[in-house]
Amino acid sequence: MYERGKTYDEIQIGEKASFTKTITETDIYIFAGISGDFNPLHVDEEYAKTTAFGTRIAHGGLAASLLAPVLGMKLPGLGTVALETLTKFRKPVYPGDTITCTVTVKEKIPRLKAVSMNIEWTNQKKETIGKGECKVLPPSAQA
């Protein structure tokens, strides 16, 4: 049995949750297939060597997608509906990087019974690779 996520009333401002994953070669190729983005910067090392990065980098959307398990499984959790997200990429993600996506509740919106959160993605060096914001509808007490 699945456990419902936190409701609007249960969520506290300042509350945090995170998810961590190492981005593998396989992840990059699978993401290319799912998204249709076969930009050689992501899938061709020889091409990538000629770019400012000097090597292949992961898709920005791959790192950004680590938000999904935080919202859907941790905070608020099962039953959450994402309304909007904003992502600002700061640094590239390389194959083998370990990325942590952390959300922090910044505001509760009574009119919508929604929650606004700050998002930060960091790598294994504790460098910020992305920042953003999201607004979600937590599950209702009946869900």
N, C-alpha and C. Protein backbone atom coordinates (compact mmCIF):
# COMPACT_ATOMS: atom_id res chain seq x y z
N MET A 1 0.84 -1.19 0.00
CA MET A 1 0.00 0.00 0.00
C MET A 1 0.88 1.25 0.00
N TYR A 2 0.47 2.23 -0.76
CA TYR A 2 1.21 3.49 -0.83
C TYR A 2 0.72 4.43 0.26
N GLU A 3 1.65 5.25 0.76
CA GLU A 3 1.28 6.22 1.78
C GLU A 3 1.14 7.60 1.14
N ARG A 4 -0.01 8.23 1.34
CA ARG A 4 -0.29 9.55 0.81
C ARG A 4 0.78 10.54 1.28
N GLY A 5 1.10 11.52 0.44
CA GLY A 5 2.04 12.57 0.81
C GLY A 5 1.40 13.54 1.79
N LYS A 6 2.18 14.53 2.17
CA LYS A 6 1.71 15.53 3.13
C LYS A 6 0.68 16.46 2.49
N THR A 7 -0.35 16.77 3.24
CA THR A 7 -1.38 17.70 2.78
C THR A 7 -0.89 19.14 2.98
N TYR A 8 -1.63 20.06 2.40
CA TYR A 8 -1.34 21.49 2.55
C TYR A 8 -1.18 21.85 4.03
N ASP A 9 -2.11 21.38 4.87
CA ASP A 9 -2.09 21.73 6.30
C ASP A 9 -0.90 21.10 7.03
N GLU A 10 -0.41 19.98 6.55
CA GLU A 10 0.71 19.28 7.21
C GLU A 10 2.08 19.86 6.86
N ILE A 11 2.16 20.55 5.75
CA ILE A 11 3.45 21.08 5.28
C ILE A 11 3.81 22.34 6.04
N GLN A 12 5.10 22.44 6.41
CA GLN A 12 5.60 23.59 7.16
C GLN A 12 6.58 24.40 6.31
N ILE A 13 6.51 25.71 6.41
CA ILE A 13 7.48 26.58 5.73
C ILE A 13 8.86 26.25 6.28
N GLY A 14 9.84 26.14 5.39
CA GLY A 14 11.21 25.79 5.78
C GLY A 14 11.51 24.31 5.69
N GLU A 15 10.47 23.49 5.53
CA GLU A 15 10.65 22.05 5.41
C GLU A 15 11.44 21.73 4.13
N LYS A 16 12.29 20.69 4.20
CA LYS A 16 13.14 20.33 3.07
C LYS A 16 13.05 18.84 2.77
N ALA A 17 13.38 18.50 1.53
CA ALA A 17 13.52 17.11 1.11
C ALA A 17 14.47 17.09 -0.08
N SER A 18 15.13 15.95 -0.29
CA SER A 18 16.06 15.87 -1.41
C SER A 18 16.13 14.46 -1.99
N PHE A 19 16.71 14.38 -3.18
CA PHE A 19 16.95 13.12 -3.87
C PHE A 19 18.33 13.23 -4.53
N THR A 20 19.11 12.16 -4.45
CA THR A 20 20.47 12.14 -5.00
C THR A 20 20.62 11.00 -5.99
N LYS A 21 21.29 11.27 -7.11
CA LYS A 21 21.54 10.25 -8.12
C LYS A 21 22.84 10.56 -8.85
N THR A 22 23.61 9.52 -9.14
CA THR A 22 24.79 9.65 -9.98
C THR A 22 24.33 9.51 -11.43
N ILE A 23 24.71 10.48 -12.26
CA ILE A 23 24.32 10.50 -13.67
C ILE A 23 25.30 9.62 -14.45
N THR A 24 24.78 8.55 -15.03
CA THR A 24 25.62 7.58 -15.73
C THR A 24 25.58 7.79 -17.24
N GLU A 25 26.50 7.13 -17.93
CA GLU A 25 26.49 7.12 -19.40
C GLU A 25 25.13 6.60 -19.90
N THR A 26 24.65 5.54 -19.28
CA THR A 26 23.38 4.95 -19.66
C THR A 26 22.24 5.94 -19.52
N ASP A 27 22.23 6.69 -18.40
CA ASP A 27 21.19 7.70 -18.19
C ASP A 27 21.17 8.70 -19.34
N ILE A 28 22.34 9.15 -19.77
CA ILE A 28 22.43 10.15 -20.84
C ILE A 28 21.88 9.61 -22.15
N TYR A 29 22.25 8.37 -22.50
CA TYR A 29 21.75 7.80 -23.76
C TYR A 29 20.25 7.50 -23.70
N ILE A 30 19.79 7.01 -22.56
CA ILE A 30 18.34 6.76 -22.42
C ILE A 30 17.57 8.08 -22.49
N PHE A 31 18.10 9.11 -21.83
CA PHE A 31 17.42 10.41 -21.87
C PHE A 31 17.40 10.96 -23.30
N ALA A 32 18.48 10.77 -24.04
CA ALA A 32 18.51 11.20 -25.44
C ALA A 32 17.39 10.50 -26.21
N GLY A 33 17.21 9.21 -25.98
CA GLY A 33 16.16 8.46 -26.66
C GLY A 33 14.77 8.91 -26.25
N ILE A 34 14.58 9.15 -24.98
CA ILE A 34 13.27 9.57 -24.49
C ILE A 34 12.92 10.97 -25.00
N SER A 35 13.89 11.88 -24.93
CA SER A 35 13.63 13.27 -25.28
C SER A 35 13.77 13.55 -26.78
N GLY A 36 14.50 12.69 -27.48
CA GLY A 36 14.77 12.94 -28.89
C GLY A 36 15.92 13.91 -29.11
N ASP A 37 16.61 14.30 -28.03
CA ASP A 37 17.72 15.25 -28.11
C ASP A 37 19.04 14.50 -28.24
N PHE A 38 19.46 14.31 -29.49
CA PHE A 38 20.73 13.64 -29.76
C PHE A 38 21.83 14.65 -30.11
N ASN A 39 21.75 15.84 -29.54
CA ASN A 39 22.78 16.85 -29.72
C ASN A 39 24.13 16.18 -29.47
N PRO A 40 25.10 16.34 -30.39
CA PRO A 40 26.39 15.67 -30.21
C PRO A 40 27.13 16.12 -28.95
N LEU A 41 26.79 17.25 -28.39
CA LEU A 41 27.39 17.68 -27.14
C LEU A 41 27.13 16.66 -26.03
N HIS A 42 26.04 15.91 -26.16
CA HIS A 42 25.67 14.92 -25.16
C HIS A 42 26.11 13.50 -25.52
N VAL A 43 26.20 13.20 -26.81
CA VAL A 43 26.39 11.79 -27.21
C VAL A 43 27.63 11.51 -28.06
N ASP A 44 28.40 12.53 -28.41
CA ASP A 44 29.57 12.32 -29.27
C ASP A 44 30.80 12.99 -28.65
N GLU A 45 31.66 12.17 -28.06
CA GLU A 45 32.83 12.69 -27.35
C GLU A 45 33.76 13.49 -28.26
N GLU A 46 33.98 13.01 -29.47
CA GLU A 46 34.88 13.72 -30.39
C GLU A 46 34.35 15.12 -30.70
N TYR A 47 33.07 15.22 -30.96
CA TYR A 47 32.46 16.53 -31.18
C TYR A 47 32.57 17.38 -29.91
N ALA A 48 32.22 16.80 -28.77
CA ALA A 48 32.20 17.55 -27.50
C ALA A 48 33.58 18.10 -27.15
N LYS A 49 34.64 17.42 -27.56
CA LYS A 49 36.00 17.91 -27.30
C LYS A 49 36.25 19.26 -27.96
N THR A 50 35.50 19.58 -29.02
CA THR A 50 35.69 20.83 -29.75
C THR A 50 34.89 21.99 -29.15
N THR A 51 34.12 21.72 -28.11
CA THR A 51 33.27 22.74 -27.50
C THR A 51 33.97 23.37 -26.29
N ALA A 52 33.37 24.40 -25.75
CA ALA A 52 33.91 25.09 -24.56
C ALA A 52 34.00 24.16 -23.35
N PHE A 53 33.19 23.07 -23.35
CA PHE A 53 33.20 22.15 -22.21
C PHE A 53 34.36 21.16 -22.29
N GLY A 54 34.85 20.88 -23.50
CA GLY A 54 35.97 19.97 -23.68
C GLY A 54 35.64 18.51 -23.56
N THR A 55 34.42 18.20 -23.24
CA THR A 55 33.95 16.82 -23.10
C THR A 55 32.43 16.83 -23.14
N ARG A 56 31.84 15.64 -23.18
CA ARG A 56 30.38 15.56 -23.20
C ARG A 56 29.79 16.03 -21.87
N ILE A 57 28.59 16.58 -21.94
CA ILE A 57 27.84 16.95 -20.75
C ILE A 57 26.45 16.31 -20.83
N ALA A 58 25.85 16.13 -19.67
CA ALA A 58 24.49 15.59 -19.60
C ALA A 58 23.50 16.67 -20.04
N HIS A 59 22.35 16.24 -20.52
CA HIS A 59 21.26 17.15 -20.86
C HIS A 59 20.84 17.92 -19.60
N GLY A 60 20.56 19.21 -19.76
CA GLY A 60 20.06 19.97 -18.62
C GLY A 60 18.77 19.39 -18.07
N GLY A 61 17.91 18.92 -18.97
CA GLY A 61 16.64 18.33 -18.56
C GLY A 61 16.80 17.06 -17.75
N LEU A 62 17.91 16.35 -17.96
CA LEU A 62 18.15 15.13 -17.18
C LEU A 62 18.37 15.48 -15.72
N ALA A 63 19.24 16.44 -15.46
CA ALA A 63 19.46 16.88 -14.07
C ALA A 63 18.19 17.48 -13.49
N ALA A 64 17.50 18.30 -14.30
CA ALA A 64 16.27 18.94 -13.82
C ALA A 64 15.22 17.91 -13.45
N SER A 65 15.21 16.77 -14.14
CA SER A 65 14.20 15.74 -13.88
C SER A 65 14.32 15.10 -12.50
N LEU A 66 15.43 15.33 -11.81
CA LEU A 66 15.58 14.79 -10.46
C LEU A 66 14.64 15.47 -9.47
N LEU A 67 13.97 16.52 -9.92
CA LEU A 67 12.93 17.15 -9.10
C LEU A 67 11.74 16.21 -8.93
N ALA A 68 11.43 15.42 -9.95
CA ALA A 68 10.22 14.58 -9.93
C ALA A 68 10.16 13.63 -8.74
N PRO A 69 11.23 12.88 -8.43
CA PRO A 69 11.13 11.99 -7.27
C PRO A 69 11.03 12.73 -5.94
N VAL A 70 11.56 13.94 -5.87
CA VAL A 70 11.42 14.71 -4.63
C VAL A 70 9.95 15.07 -4.42
N LEU A 71 9.34 15.68 -5.44
CA LEU A 71 7.95 16.12 -5.31
C LEU A 71 6.98 14.95 -5.20
N GLY A 72 7.16 13.94 -6.03
CA GLY A 72 6.20 12.85 -6.10
C GLY A 72 6.34 11.78 -5.05
N MET A 73 7.52 11.73 -4.41
CA MET A 73 7.74 10.65 -3.45
C MET A 73 8.15 11.12 -2.05
N LYS A 74 8.55 12.39 -1.93
CA LYS A 74 9.05 12.85 -0.64
C LYS A 74 8.30 14.04 -0.08
N LEU A 75 8.33 15.17 -0.79
CA LEU A 75 7.70 16.39 -0.29
C LEU A 75 7.06 17.16 -1.44
N PRO A 76 5.79 17.28 -1.49
CA PRO A 76 4.81 16.74 -0.57
C PRO A 76 4.67 15.22 -0.60
N GLY A 77 4.93 14.56 -1.73
CA GLY A 77 4.83 13.11 -1.81
C GLY A 77 3.69 12.65 -2.69
N LEU A 78 3.33 11.39 -2.53
CA LEU A 78 2.32 10.75 -3.37
C LEU A 78 1.02 11.56 -3.43
N GLY A 79 0.57 11.84 -4.63
CA GLY A 79 -0.66 12.61 -4.84
C GLY A 79 -0.41 14.06 -5.21
N THR A 80 0.87 14.48 -5.23
CA THR A 80 1.23 15.85 -5.57
C THR A 80 1.02 16.11 -7.06
N VAL A 81 0.53 17.29 -7.38
CA VAL A 81 0.40 17.73 -8.77
C VAL A 81 1.28 18.97 -8.95
N ALA A 82 2.24 18.90 -9.86
CA ALA A 82 3.10 20.05 -10.15
C ALA A 82 2.32 21.04 -11.02
N LEU A 83 2.34 22.30 -10.64
CA LEU A 83 1.65 23.35 -11.40
C LEU A 83 2.61 24.12 -12.29
N GLU A 84 3.81 24.40 -11.78
CA GLU A 84 4.79 25.12 -12.58
C GLU A 84 6.18 24.92 -12.00
N THR A 85 7.17 25.00 -12.88
CA THR A 85 8.57 24.95 -12.45
C THR A 85 9.36 25.98 -13.26
N LEU A 86 10.39 26.49 -12.63
CA LEU A 86 11.34 27.40 -13.26
C LEU A 86 12.73 26.86 -12.93
N THR A 87 13.55 26.68 -13.95
CA THR A 87 14.89 26.14 -13.75
C THR A 87 15.91 27.06 -14.39
N LYS A 88 16.95 27.38 -13.63
CA LYS A 88 18.07 28.17 -14.13
C LYS A 88 19.32 27.32 -14.02
N PHE A 89 19.93 27.01 -15.16
CA PHE A 89 21.13 26.19 -15.18
C PHE A 89 22.35 27.06 -14.90
N ARG A 90 23.21 26.61 -14.00
CA ARG A 90 24.39 27.39 -13.59
C ARG A 90 25.71 26.76 -14.04
N LYS A 91 25.80 25.44 -13.97
CA LYS A 91 27.03 24.72 -14.34
C LYS A 91 26.64 23.45 -15.06
N PRO A 92 27.53 22.93 -15.90
CA PRO A 92 27.23 21.68 -16.58
C PRO A 92 27.28 20.47 -15.64
N VAL A 93 26.60 19.42 -16.05
CA VAL A 93 26.66 18.13 -15.37
C VAL A 93 27.39 17.17 -16.29
N TYR A 94 28.41 16.51 -15.74
CA TYR A 94 29.22 15.58 -16.52
C TYR A 94 28.85 14.14 -16.18
N PRO A 95 29.06 13.21 -17.11
CA PRO A 95 28.84 11.80 -16.78
C PRO A 95 29.65 11.45 -15.53
N GLY A 96 29.01 10.79 -14.59
CA GLY A 96 29.67 10.41 -13.34
C GLY A 96 29.43 11.38 -12.20
N ASP A 97 28.88 12.57 -12.49
CA ASP A 97 28.56 13.51 -11.41
C ASP A 97 27.40 12.96 -10.57
N THR A 98 27.46 13.22 -9.29
CA THR A 98 26.38 12.86 -8.38
C THR A 98 25.62 14.13 -8.05
N ILE A 99 24.36 14.16 -8.45
CA ILE A 99 23.53 15.36 -8.32
C ILE A 99 22.48 15.17 -7.24
N THR A 100 22.35 16.18 -6.40
CA THR A 100 21.31 16.20 -5.37
C THR A 100 20.36 17.34 -5.68
N CYS A 101 19.08 17.02 -5.74
CA CYS A 101 18.03 18.01 -5.92
C CYS A 101 17.34 18.19 -4.56
N THR A 102 17.33 19.42 -4.07
CA THR A 102 16.73 19.73 -2.77
C THR A 102 15.65 20.79 -2.95
N VAL A 103 14.51 20.56 -2.34
CA VAL A 103 13.45 21.56 -2.31
C VAL A 103 13.27 22.06 -0.89
N THR A 104 12.94 23.35 -0.78
CA THR A 104 12.66 23.98 0.50
C THR A 104 11.36 24.75 0.38
N VAL A 105 10.41 24.45 1.25
CA VAL A 105 9.12 25.14 1.22
C VAL A 105 9.33 26.60 1.60
N LYS A 106 8.92 27.52 0.69
CA LYS A 106 9.10 28.94 0.97
C LYS A 106 7.79 29.66 1.27
N GLU A 107 6.67 29.12 0.76
CA GLU A 107 5.40 29.84 0.93
C GLU A 107 4.23 28.88 0.76
N LYS A 108 3.20 29.13 1.54
CA LYS A 108 1.93 28.43 1.36
C LYS A 108 0.94 29.44 0.79
N ILE A 109 0.18 29.01 -0.21
CA ILE A 109 -0.74 29.91 -0.92
C ILE A 109 -2.17 29.47 -0.59
N PRO A 110 -2.78 30.09 0.42
CA PRO A 110 -4.09 29.64 0.90
C PRO A 110 -5.18 29.61 -0.17
N ARG A 111 -5.21 30.62 -1.04
CA ARG A 111 -6.26 30.71 -2.06
C ARG A 111 -6.30 29.47 -2.94
N LEU A 112 -5.12 28.92 -3.25
CA LEU A 112 -5.02 27.75 -4.12
C LEU A 112 -4.81 26.45 -3.35
N LYS A 113 -4.52 26.57 -2.06
CA LYS A 113 -4.07 25.42 -1.26
C LYS A 113 -2.83 24.81 -1.92
N ALA A 114 -1.97 25.70 -2.41
CA ALA A 114 -0.74 25.30 -3.10
C ALA A 114 0.46 25.66 -2.25
N VAL A 115 1.60 25.12 -2.64
CA VAL A 115 2.85 25.36 -1.92
C VAL A 115 3.90 25.79 -2.94
N SER A 116 4.64 26.83 -2.60
CA SER A 116 5.74 27.31 -3.44
C SER A 116 7.06 26.89 -2.77
N MET A 117 7.98 26.40 -3.59
CA MET A 117 9.25 25.90 -3.05
C MET A 117 10.43 26.41 -3.87
N ASN A 118 11.55 26.60 -3.20
CA ASN A 118 12.82 26.85 -3.87
C ASN A 118 13.44 25.49 -4.19
N ILE A 119 14.17 25.44 -5.31
CA ILE A 119 14.84 24.22 -5.73
C ILE A 119 16.32 24.53 -5.90
N GLU A 120 17.18 23.62 -5.46
CA GLU A 120 18.61 23.73 -5.72
C GLU A 120 19.16 22.37 -6.11
N TRP A 121 19.93 22.36 -7.19
CA TRP A 121 20.64 21.16 -7.62
C TRP A 121 22.11 21.38 -7.34
N THR A 122 22.76 20.44 -6.67
CA THR A 122 24.19 20.54 -6.38
C THR A 122 24.89 19.27 -6.85
N ASN A 123 26.19 19.40 -7.11
CA ASN A 123 26.97 18.22 -7.48
C ASN A 123 27.75 17.70 -6.27
N GLN A 124 28.55 16.67 -6.50
CA GLN A 124 29.31 16.04 -5.43
C GLN A 124 30.35 16.97 -4.80
N LYS A 125 30.68 18.06 -5.48
CA LYS A 125 31.63 19.04 -4.95
C LYS A 125 30.91 20.14 -4.17
N LYS A 126 29.60 19.98 -3.98
CA LYS A 126 28.74 20.96 -3.31
C LYS A 126 28.59 22.24 -4.11
N GLU A 127 28.88 22.19 -5.42
CA GLU A 127 28.68 23.33 -6.30
C GLU A 127 27.23 23.36 -6.75
N THR A 128 26.65 24.55 -6.81
CA THR A 128 25.28 24.69 -7.32
C THR A 128 25.33 24.59 -8.83
N ILE A 129 24.63 23.60 -9.37
CA ILE A 129 24.58 23.44 -10.83
C ILE A 129 23.26 23.98 -11.39
N GLY A 130 22.30 24.24 -10.51
CA GLY A 130 21.03 24.80 -10.95
C GLY A 130 20.23 25.30 -9.77
N LYS A 131 19.36 26.25 -10.07
CA LYS A 131 18.44 26.79 -9.06
C LYS A 131 17.09 26.96 -9.72
N GLY A 132 16.06 27.01 -8.91
CA GLY A 132 14.75 27.22 -9.49
C GLY A 132 13.68 27.37 -8.43
N GLU A 133 12.46 27.34 -8.90
CA GLU A 133 11.29 27.44 -8.04
C GLU A 133 10.20 26.54 -8.62
N CYS A 134 9.32 26.10 -7.76
CA CYS A 134 8.17 25.34 -8.24
C CYS A 134 6.96 25.64 -7.38
N LYS A 135 5.80 25.38 -7.98
CA LYS A 135 4.52 25.52 -7.26
C LYS A 135 3.79 24.21 -7.46
N VAL A 136 3.29 23.64 -6.36
CA VAL A 136 2.61 22.35 -6.43
C VAL A 136 1.31 22.38 -5.63
N LEU A 137 0.42 21.46 -6.01
CA LEU A 137 -0.77 21.19 -5.20
C LEU A 137 -0.50 19.91 -4.43
N PRO A 138 -0.39 19.99 -3.12
CA PRO A 138 -0.21 18.78 -2.33
C PRO A 138 -1.47 17.92 -2.38
N PRO A 139 -1.36 16.67 -2.00
CA PRO A 139 -2.55 15.82 -1.99
C PRO A 139 -3.57 16.31 -0.97
N SER A 140 -4.83 16.04 -1.25
CA SER A 140 -5.88 16.39 -0.29
C SER A 140 -5.94 15.32 0.78
N ALA A 141 -6.59 15.64 1.87
CA ALA A 141 -6.72 14.69 2.97
C ALA A 141 -7.50 13.44 2.54
N GLN A 142 -8.35 13.56 1.52
CA GLN A 142 -9.16 12.43 1.07
C GLN A 142 -8.38 11.50 0.13
N ALA A 143 -7.27 11.97 -0.42
CA ALA A 143 -6.53 11.18 -1.43
C ALA A 143 -5.89 9.96 -0.84
